[in-house]
Protein backbone atom coordinates (compact mmCIF):
# COMPACT_ATOMS: atom_id res chain seq x y z
CA MET A 1 0.00 0.00 0.00
CA THR A 2 2.76 2.47 0.75
CA GLY A 3 4.14 2.07 -2.76
CA ASP A 4 0.77 3.06 -4.18
CA ARG A 5 0.68 6.22 -2.07
CA ASP A 6 4.19 7.09 -3.19
CA GLY A 7 3.11 6.75 -6.81
CA GLN A 8 0.14 9.02 -6.21
CA ALA A 9 2.35 11.64 -4.59
CA ALA A 10 4.80 11.46 -7.47
CA GLY A 11 1.95 11.84 -9.96
CA LYS A 12 0.62 14.91 -8.16
CA ALA A 13 4.10 16.42 -7.99
CA ASN A 14 4.58 15.75 -11.70
CA HIS A 15 1.27 17.40 -12.52
CA ALA A 16 2.14 20.44 -10.41
CA GLY A 17 5.48 20.73 -12.19
CA GLN A 18 3.82 20.54 -15.59
CA SER A 19 1.38 23.33 -14.78
CA ARG A 20 4.23 25.53 -13.52
CA GLY A 21 6.14 24.77 -16.73
CA ARG A 22 3.11 25.77 -18.78
CA ASP A 23 2.85 29.07 -16.89
CA SER A 24 6.53 29.79 -17.46
CA ARG A 25 6.10 29.09 -21.19
CA HIS A 26 3.36 31.70 -21.35
CA ALA A 27 5.65 34.16 -19.61
CA GLN A 28 8.44 33.31 -22.06
CA VAL A 29 6.16 33.88 -25.05
CA LEU A 30 5.02 37.22 -23.66
CA ALA A 31 8.61 38.24 -22.93
CA GLY A 32 9.64 37.25 -26.46
CA ARG A 33 6.82 39.25 -28.04
CA TRP A 34 7.66 42.25 -25.89
CA ALA A 35 11.36 42.00 -26.82
CA TRP A 36 10.49 41.70 -30.53
CA ALA A 37 8.17 44.73 -30.35
CA LEU A 38 10.92 46.74 -28.66
CA PHE A 39 13.50 45.69 -31.27
CA ALA A 40 11.11 46.24 -34.18
CA ARG A 41 10.28 49.76 -33.03
CA SER A 42 13.97 50.61 -32.72
CA ALA A 43 14.66 49.15 -36.19
CA GLY A 44 11.74 51.00 -37.75
CA VAL A 45 9.81 47.93 -38.89
CA SER A 46 6.36 46.64 -38.06
CA ALA A 47 6.12 44.54 -34.92
CA VAL A 48 3.01 42.77 -36.25
CA PRO A 49 3.63 40.00 -38.79
CA ASP A 50 1.92 40.65 -42.11
CA ILE A 51 1.31 37.15 -43.45
CA PRO A 52 -1.26 36.70 -46.23
CA VAL A 53 -3.43 33.86 -44.92
CA THR A 54 -4.84 32.99 -48.35
CA LEU A 55 -1.34 32.53 -49.75
CA VAL A 56 -0.38 30.22 -46.88
CA LEU A 57 -3.60 28.21 -47.24
CA LEU A 58 -3.03 27.94 -50.99
CA ALA A 59 0.58 26.81 -50.52
CA ILE A 60 -0.44 23.72 -48.53
CA PRO A 61 -2.40 21.88 -51.27
CA VAL A 62 0.03 23.05 -53.95
CA THR A 63 2.94 21.61 -51.98
CA LEU A 64 1.13 18.30 -51.45
CA ALA A 65 0.25 18.07 -55.16
CA LEU A 66 3.81 18.88 -56.21
CA ALA A 67 5.22 16.27 -53.81
CA SER A 68 2.84 13.67 -55.24
CA VAL A 69 3.86 14.48 -58.81
CA ILE A 70 7.56 14.31 -57.95
CA ALA A 71 7.12 10.98 -56.13
CA ALA A 72 4.99 9.41 -58.87
CA GLY A 73 7.90 8.53 -61.18
CA PRO A 74 10.06 6.67 -58.64
CA GLY A 75 6.96 5.06 -57.15
CA TRP A 76 5.84 3.82 -60.57
CA ASP A 77 9.30 2.38 -61.26
CA ALA A 78 9.44 0.67 -57.85
CA ALA A 79 5.98 -0.83 -58.34
CA ARG A 80 7.02 -2.48 -61.63
CA LEU A 81 10.16 -4.11 -60.20
CA ARG A 82 10.26 -7.77 -59.26
CA PRO A 83 12.15 -7.77 -55.92
CA ALA A 84 13.41 -11.36 -56.27
CA SER A 85 15.06 -10.76 -59.64
CA VAL A 86 16.58 -7.46 -58.53
CA LEU A 87 18.00 -8.98 -55.35
CA ARG A 88 19.30 -12.00 -57.22
CA THR A 89 21.40 -9.79 -59.54
CA GLU A 90 23.01 -7.99 -56.59
């Protein structure tokens, strides 16, 4: 029974550590954004990212289609090979 209680205590301690880590990550993100805004103002650039969402959303299917087209040739060649005959010649 004592081993079970030790495991419960360790689990609670682990959970408490995770929530503190999550809080520190939020603080790190906020500190990073603040530091970037400070640097951007001093450099004379916009602190807010200007990313065209439609372009990003269009790039995803285009990239997947291009990857499929590029992989089609080697995939077609590999599908037509007879593994036993290829391995026998090596």
